[in-house]
C-alpha atoms as a PDB file:
ATOM      1  CA  UNK A   1       5.111 -27.697  -5.932  1.00  0.00           C
ATOM      2  CA  UNK A   2       3.125 -24.456  -5.643  1.00  0.00           C
ATOM      3  CA  UNK A   3       4.972 -21.169  -5.772  1.00  0.00           C
ATOM      4  CA  UNK A   4       5.331 -19.091  -2.623  1.00  0.00           C
ATOM      5  CA  UNK A   5       2.558 -16.524  -2.591  1.00  0.00           C
ATOM      6  CA  UNK A   6       2.331 -15.298   1.015  1.00  0.00           C
ATOM      7  CA  UNK A   7       4.663 -13.377   3.304  1.00  0.00           C
ATOM      8  CA  UNK A   8       4.476 -12.366   6.955  1.00  0.00           C
ATOM      9  CA  UNK A   9       4.914  -8.710   7.914  1.00  0.00           C
ATOM     10  CA  UNK A  10       5.071  -7.063  11.327  1.00  0.00           C
ATOM     11  CA  UNK A  11       6.369  -3.943  13.012  1.00  0.00           C
ATOM     12  CA  UNK A  12       6.944  -6.001  16.161  1.00  0.00           C
ATOM     13  CA  UNK A  13       9.862  -8.341  16.752  1.00  0.00           C
ATOM     14  CA  UNK A  14       8.863 -11.870  15.808  1.00  0.00           C
ATOM     15  CA  UNK A  15       9.833 -14.465  18.402  1.00  0.00           C
ATOM     16  CA  UNK A  16       8.534 -17.883  17.573  1.00  0.00           C
ATOM     17  CA  UNK A  17      10.270 -21.217  17.546  1.00  0.00           C
ATOM     18  CA  UNK A  18       8.467 -21.933  14.264  1.00  0.00           C
ATOM     19  CA  UNK A  19      10.129 -19.025  12.499  1.00  0.00           C
ATOM     20  CA  UNK A  20      13.515 -19.141  10.841  1.00  0.00           C
ATOM     21  CA  UNK A  21      15.942 -16.316  11.695  1.00  0.00           C
ATOM     22  CA  UNK A  22      15.278 -14.521   8.392  1.00  0.00           C
ATOM     23  CA  UNK A  23      11.490 -14.405   8.813  1.00  0.00           C
ATOM     24  CA  UNK A  24      10.909 -11.428   6.561  1.00  0.00           C
ATOM     25  CA  UNK A  25      12.659 -13.252   3.730  1.00  0.00           C
ATOM     26  CA  UNK A  26      10.531 -16.384   4.075  1.00  0.00           C
ATOM     27  CA  UNK A  27       7.568 -16.937   1.785  1.00  0.00           C
ATOM     28  CA  UNK A  28       4.806 -19.514   2.063  1.00  0.00           C
ATOM     29  CA  UNK A  29       2.862 -21.347  -0.628  1.00  0.00           C
ATOM     30  CA  UNK A  30      -0.037 -22.135   1.710  1.00  0.00           C
ATOM     31  CA  UNK A  31      -2.182 -19.359   3.186  1.00  0.00           C
ATOM     32  CA  UNK A  32      -3.193 -21.438   6.212  1.00  0.00           C
ATOM     33  CA  UNK A  33       0.416 -22.222   7.064  1.00  0.00           C
ATOM     34  CA  UNK A  34       1.426 -18.573   6.728  1.00  0.00           C
ATOM     35  CA  UNK A  35      -1.376 -17.496   9.090  1.00  0.00           C
ATOM     36  CA  UNK A  36      -0.551 -20.218  11.622  1.00  0.00           C
ATOM     37  CA  UNK A  37       3.148 -19.322  11.644  1.00  0.00           C
ATOM     38  CA  UNK A  38       2.307 -15.614  11.915  1.00  0.00           C
ATOM     39  CA  UNK A  39       0.123 -16.097  14.980  1.00  0.00           C
ATOM     40  CA  UNK A  40       2.619 -18.452  16.629  1.00  0.00           C
ATOM     41  CA  UNK A  41       5.388 -15.896  16.092  1.00  0.00           C
ATOM     42  CA  UNK A  42       3.912 -13.344  18.484  1.00  0.00           C
ATOM     43  CA  UNK A  43       4.220 -13.420  22.234  1.00  0.00           C
ATOM     44  CA  UNK A  44       0.674 -11.985  22.513  1.00  0.00           C
ATOM     45  CA  UNK A  45      -1.374 -11.766  19.275  1.00  0.00           C
ATOM     46  CA  UNK A  46      -3.996  -9.637  21.059  1.00  0.00           C
ATOM     47  CA  UNK A  47      -1.450  -6.872  21.754  1.00  0.00           C
ATOM     48  CA  UNK A  48       0.753  -7.003  18.681  1.00  0.00           C
ATOM     49  CA  UNK A  49       0.011  -6.468  15.024  1.00  0.00           C
ATOM     50  CA  UNK A  50       0.993  -8.927  12.316  1.00  0.00           C
ATOM     51  CA  UNK A  51      -0.140  -9.353   8.731  1.00  0.00           C
ATOM     52  CA  UNK A  52      -0.090 -12.070   6.094  1.00  0.00           C
ATOM     53  CA  UNK A  53       0.073 -10.583   2.614  1.00  0.00           C
ATOM     54  CA  UNK A  54      -0.788 -12.231  -0.716  1.00  0.00           C
ATOM     55  CA  UNK A  55       2.285 -11.263  -2.745  1.00  0.00           C
ATOM     56  CA  UNK A  56       0.823 -11.121  -6.297  1.00  0.00           C
ATOM     57  CA  UNK A  57      -2.075  -8.830  -5.322  1.00  0.00           C
ATOM     58  CA  UNK A  58      -0.676  -7.093  -2.233  1.00  0.00           C
ATOM     59  CA  UNK A  59      -3.914  -7.941  -0.411  1.00  0.00           C
ATOM     60  CA  UNK A  60      -3.698  -8.374   3.361  1.00  0.00           C
ATOM     61  CA  UNK A  61      -5.377 -11.756   3.890  1.00  0.00           C
ATOM     62  CA  UNK A  62      -4.929 -11.866   7.671  1.00  0.00           C
ATOM     63  CA  UNK A  63      -4.205  -9.187  10.263  1.00  0.00           C
ATOM     64  CA  UNK A  64      -4.307  -8.923  14.032  1.00  0.00           C
ATOM     65  CA  UNK A  65      -5.076  -5.633  15.726  1.00  0.00           C
ATOM     66  CA  UNK A  66      -2.627  -4.202  18.189  1.00  0.00           C
ATOM     67  CA  UNK A  67      -4.416  -3.515  21.470  1.00  0.00           C
ATOM     68  CA  UNK A  68      -4.092  -0.010  22.857  1.00  0.00           C
END
């Protein structure tokens, strides 16, 4: 099994049925799964910001822009 390399970060409350209660403590081995869960966790991805971060490098591999 691959090690968990991705985490989801957001300044907004995450409210998705796909997310466990301790979302910020969850890590994902698959980048695609992390991005899918991140997007599904927002009520409106076009108005809220969320990021998926590659843990070893700290690189943001996916990010939505909060609309103003």
